[in-house]
Amino acid sequence: MKTNEPSVSKPRLEKVGECLYRYSSNSDHYALVKIAGKQKKNSLATTDKAVAKRKLDDFKRRLGTVDFSVGKVTLREFRDRYLT
């Protein structure tokens, strides 16, 4: 049996630009970027779309400097690579 309670919609991400999404419940913006076959999600900590676009560009720039081909490396392996 259905009750007459008002339906509460679940918060969701709404696309507002390329790689830019807005969370419906609090209007915070998020970046969703696919790089090296993996999706990276990051809160941009703003409700302003213009600020979110600038932070998205910064996020993409930071991801561009990360070498994802290395994968998981132990500290010992990292040290050995650095010393050679």
N, C-alpha and C. Protein backbone atom coordinates (compact mmCIF):
# COMPACT_ATOMS: atom_id res chain seq x y z
N MET A 1 0.82 -1.19 0.00
CA MET A 1 0.00 0.00 0.00
C MET A 1 0.87 1.25 0.00
N LYS A 2 0.46 2.19 -0.77
CA LYS A 2 1.17 3.46 -0.80
C LYS A 2 0.60 4.40 0.24
N THR A 3 1.47 5.16 0.84
CA THR A 3 1.01 6.17 1.78
C THR A 3 0.98 7.51 1.08
N ASN A 4 0.37 8.46 1.67
CA ASN A 4 0.27 9.79 1.08
C ASN A 4 1.39 10.71 1.53
N GLU A 5 2.53 10.12 1.87
CA GLU A 5 3.68 10.92 2.26
C GLU A 5 4.29 11.57 1.03
N PRO A 6 4.77 12.80 1.17
CA PRO A 6 5.41 13.44 0.02
C PRO A 6 6.69 12.69 -0.35
N SER A 7 6.91 12.55 -1.64
CA SER A 7 8.12 11.85 -2.07
C SER A 7 9.32 12.79 -1.94
N VAL A 8 10.37 12.25 -1.41
CA VAL A 8 11.60 13.02 -1.24
C VAL A 8 12.57 12.56 -2.31
N SER A 9 12.98 13.50 -3.17
CA SER A 9 13.91 13.12 -4.22
C SER A 9 15.31 13.03 -3.65
N LYS A 10 16.03 12.05 -4.14
CA LYS A 10 17.41 11.85 -3.68
C LYS A 10 18.30 12.92 -4.30
N PRO A 11 19.26 13.42 -3.54
CA PRO A 11 20.20 14.38 -4.11
C PRO A 11 20.98 13.71 -5.24
N ARG A 12 21.25 14.46 -6.28
CA ARG A 12 21.98 13.91 -7.41
C ARG A 12 22.87 14.95 -8.05
N LEU A 13 23.79 14.46 -8.85
CA LEU A 13 24.68 15.37 -9.58
C LEU A 13 24.00 15.77 -10.88
N GLU A 14 23.98 17.07 -11.16
CA GLU A 14 23.41 17.58 -12.39
C GLU A 14 24.53 18.18 -13.22
N LYS A 15 24.61 17.79 -14.49
CA LYS A 15 25.67 18.30 -15.36
C LYS A 15 25.40 19.77 -15.69
N VAL A 16 26.41 20.61 -15.46
CA VAL A 16 26.27 22.05 -15.75
C VAL A 16 27.35 22.54 -16.72
N GLY A 17 28.23 21.67 -17.13
CA GLY A 17 29.28 22.02 -18.06
C GLY A 17 30.16 20.81 -18.32
N GLU A 18 31.15 20.97 -19.20
CA GLU A 18 32.05 19.87 -19.50
C GLU A 18 32.87 19.52 -18.26
N CYS A 19 32.72 18.29 -17.79
CA CYS A 19 33.41 17.78 -16.60
C CYS A 19 32.99 18.50 -15.33
N LEU A 20 31.89 19.24 -15.36
CA LEU A 20 31.46 20.05 -14.23
C LEU A 20 30.03 19.67 -13.84
N TYR A 21 29.85 19.33 -12.57
CA TYR A 21 28.55 18.89 -12.07
C TYR A 21 28.20 19.66 -10.81
N ARG A 22 26.88 19.79 -10.55
CA ARG A 22 26.39 20.48 -9.36
C ARG A 22 25.54 19.50 -8.57
N TYR A 23 25.81 19.40 -7.29
CA TYR A 23 25.07 18.52 -6.40
C TYR A 23 23.74 19.22 -6.08
N SER A 24 22.63 18.54 -6.34
CA SER A 24 21.32 19.19 -6.26
C SER A 24 20.92 19.62 -4.85
N SER A 25 21.38 18.95 -3.82
CA SER A 25 20.90 19.29 -2.47
C SER A 25 21.54 20.54 -1.88
N ASN A 26 22.82 20.80 -2.21
CA ASN A 26 23.48 21.96 -1.60
C ASN A 26 24.14 22.89 -2.62
N SER A 27 23.99 22.60 -3.91
CA SER A 27 24.51 23.41 -5.02
C SER A 27 26.03 23.47 -5.09
N ASP A 28 26.74 22.61 -4.36
CA ASP A 28 28.20 22.55 -4.48
C ASP A 28 28.57 21.97 -5.83
N HIS A 29 29.67 22.45 -6.38
CA HIS A 29 30.14 21.97 -7.68
C HIS A 29 31.22 20.91 -7.51
N TYR A 30 31.23 19.96 -8.44
CA TYR A 30 32.19 18.87 -8.44
C TYR A 30 32.80 18.72 -9.83
N ALA A 31 34.04 18.29 -9.85
CA ALA A 31 34.72 17.98 -11.10
C ALA A 31 34.71 16.47 -11.27
N LEU A 32 34.35 16.00 -12.46
CA LEU A 32 34.44 14.58 -12.80
C LEU A 32 35.27 14.49 -14.07
N VAL A 33 36.49 14.01 -13.92
CA VAL A 33 37.44 13.98 -15.03
C VAL A 33 37.91 12.55 -15.23
N LYS A 34 37.94 12.11 -16.47
CA LYS A 34 38.45 10.78 -16.77
C LYS A 34 39.86 10.93 -17.34
N ILE A 35 40.82 10.27 -16.67
CA ILE A 35 42.22 10.36 -17.10
C ILE A 35 42.86 8.99 -16.89
N ALA A 36 43.59 8.56 -17.88
CA ALA A 36 44.27 7.25 -17.85
C ALA A 36 43.27 6.12 -17.59
N GLY A 37 42.05 6.26 -18.13
CA GLY A 37 41.06 5.21 -18.00
C GLY A 37 40.35 5.17 -16.66
N LYS A 38 40.63 6.12 -15.78
CA LYS A 38 39.98 6.14 -14.47
C LYS A 38 39.30 7.47 -14.25
N GLN A 39 38.16 7.42 -13.57
CA GLN A 39 37.42 8.64 -13.29
C GLN A 39 37.86 9.23 -11.96
N LYS A 40 38.16 10.51 -11.98
CA LYS A 40 38.57 11.22 -10.77
C LYS A 40 37.48 12.23 -10.43
N LYS A 41 37.02 12.22 -9.18
CA LYS A 41 35.99 13.13 -8.72
C LYS A 41 36.59 14.00 -7.62
N ASN A 42 36.27 15.29 -7.68
CA ASN A 42 36.81 16.22 -6.70
C ASN A 42 35.79 17.31 -6.40
N SER A 43 35.57 17.58 -5.12
CA SER A 43 34.71 18.69 -4.74
C SER A 43 35.46 19.99 -5.01
N LEU A 44 34.79 20.93 -5.62
CA LEU A 44 35.41 22.21 -5.92
C LEU A 44 35.10 23.24 -4.83
N ALA A 45 34.32 22.85 -3.83
CA ALA A 45 34.04 23.66 -2.64
C ALA A 45 33.54 25.06 -2.96
N THR A 46 32.63 25.15 -3.92
CA THR A 46 32.03 26.43 -4.25
C THR A 46 30.64 26.21 -4.84
N THR A 47 29.79 27.22 -4.70
CA THR A 47 28.47 27.17 -5.32
C THR A 47 28.42 28.09 -6.54
N ASP A 48 29.46 28.85 -6.78
CA ASP A 48 29.54 29.79 -7.90
C ASP A 48 30.11 29.08 -9.12
N LYS A 49 29.37 29.12 -10.24
CA LYS A 49 29.79 28.39 -11.45
C LYS A 49 31.10 28.95 -12.03
N ALA A 50 31.27 30.26 -12.03
CA ALA A 50 32.49 30.85 -12.58
C ALA A 50 33.72 30.42 -11.78
N VAL A 51 33.60 30.43 -10.46
CA VAL A 51 34.70 29.98 -9.61
C VAL A 51 34.96 28.50 -9.83
N ALA A 52 33.88 27.74 -9.97
CA ALA A 52 34.00 26.30 -10.19
C ALA A 52 34.77 26.00 -11.48
N LYS A 53 34.52 26.77 -12.52
CA LYS A 53 35.25 26.56 -13.79
C LYS A 53 36.74 26.80 -13.62
N ARG A 54 37.10 27.84 -12.86
CA ARG A 54 38.53 28.11 -12.62
C ARG A 54 39.16 26.99 -11.80
N LYS A 55 38.44 26.52 -10.77
CA LYS A 55 38.97 25.44 -9.95
C LYS A 55 39.05 24.13 -10.74
N LEU A 56 38.13 23.93 -11.68
CA LEU A 56 38.17 22.75 -12.54
C LEU A 56 39.44 22.77 -13.39
N ASP A 57 39.76 23.93 -13.94
CA ASP A 57 40.99 24.06 -14.73
C ASP A 57 42.23 23.74 -13.89
N ASP A 58 42.25 24.23 -12.65
CA ASP A 58 43.37 23.93 -11.75
C ASP A 58 43.45 22.43 -11.45
N PHE A 59 42.30 21.81 -11.22
CA PHE A 59 42.24 20.37 -10.93
C PHE A 59 42.78 19.57 -12.12
N LYS A 60 42.38 19.92 -13.33
CA LYS A 60 42.86 19.24 -14.54
C LYS A 60 44.37 19.43 -14.68
N ARG A 61 44.85 20.63 -14.39
CA ARG A 61 46.28 20.91 -14.50
C ARG A 61 47.08 20.05 -13.51
N ARG A 62 46.57 19.93 -12.27
CA ARG A 62 47.24 19.09 -11.26
C ARG A 62 47.24 17.63 -11.69
N LEU A 63 46.13 17.15 -12.26
CA LEU A 63 46.08 15.76 -12.71
C LEU A 63 47.06 15.51 -13.85
N GLY A 64 47.31 16.53 -14.64
CA GLY A 64 48.24 16.39 -15.76
C GLY A 64 49.67 16.18 -15.31
N THR A 65 49.99 16.54 -14.08
CA THR A 65 51.36 16.38 -13.59
C THR A 65 51.58 15.05 -12.89
N VAL A 66 50.51 14.28 -12.68
CA VAL A 66 50.61 13.00 -11.98
C VAL A 66 50.88 11.90 -13.01
N ASP A 67 51.84 11.02 -12.71
CA ASP A 67 52.16 9.90 -13.60
C ASP A 67 51.37 8.67 -13.14
N PHE A 68 50.22 8.43 -13.79
CA PHE A 68 49.36 7.33 -13.40
C PHE A 68 49.90 5.98 -13.87
N SER A 69 50.88 5.98 -14.77
CA SER A 69 51.42 4.71 -15.26
C SER A 69 52.25 4.01 -14.20
N VAL A 70 52.70 4.74 -13.19
CA VAL A 70 53.53 4.16 -12.14
C VAL A 70 52.72 3.18 -11.30
N GLY A 71 51.48 3.50 -11.02
CA GLY A 71 50.64 2.62 -10.21
C GLY A 71 51.05 2.64 -8.76
N LYS A 72 50.73 1.56 -8.07
CA LYS A 72 51.07 1.47 -6.65
C LYS A 72 52.52 1.06 -6.50
N VAL A 73 53.28 1.85 -5.78
CA VAL A 73 54.70 1.60 -5.59
C VAL A 73 54.99 1.66 -4.10
N THR A 74 55.76 0.71 -3.62
CA THR A 74 56.15 0.74 -2.20
C THR A 74 57.21 1.81 -2.01
N LEU A 75 57.40 2.20 -0.79
CA LEU A 75 58.40 3.20 -0.48
C LEU A 75 59.79 2.71 -0.87
N ARG A 76 60.06 1.44 -0.65
CA ARG A 76 61.36 0.86 -1.01
C ARG A 76 61.59 0.94 -2.53
N GLU A 77 60.56 0.58 -3.32
CA GLU A 77 60.69 0.66 -4.77
C GLU A 77 60.90 2.10 -5.23
N PHE A 78 60.18 3.01 -4.61
CA PHE A 78 60.33 4.42 -4.95
C PHE A 78 61.75 4.90 -4.65
N ARG A 79 62.28 4.51 -3.49
CA ARG A 79 63.63 4.90 -3.11
C ARG A 79 64.64 4.35 -4.10
N ASP A 80 64.48 3.07 -4.47
CA ASP A 80 65.41 2.45 -5.41
C ASP A 80 65.39 3.14 -6.78
N ARG A 81 64.18 3.51 -7.24
CA ARG A 81 64.08 4.22 -8.52
C ARG A 81 64.74 5.58 -8.43
N TYR A 82 64.54 6.25 -7.30
CA TYR A 82 65.09 7.59 -7.13
C TYR A 82 66.62 7.54 -7.08
N LEU A 83 67.17 6.53 -6.44
CA LEU A 83 68.62 6.45 -6.28
C LEU A 83 69.32 6.01 -7.56
N THR A 84 68.62 5.39 -8.49
CA THR A 84 69.28 4.97 -9.74
C THR A 84 69.31 6.04 -10.78
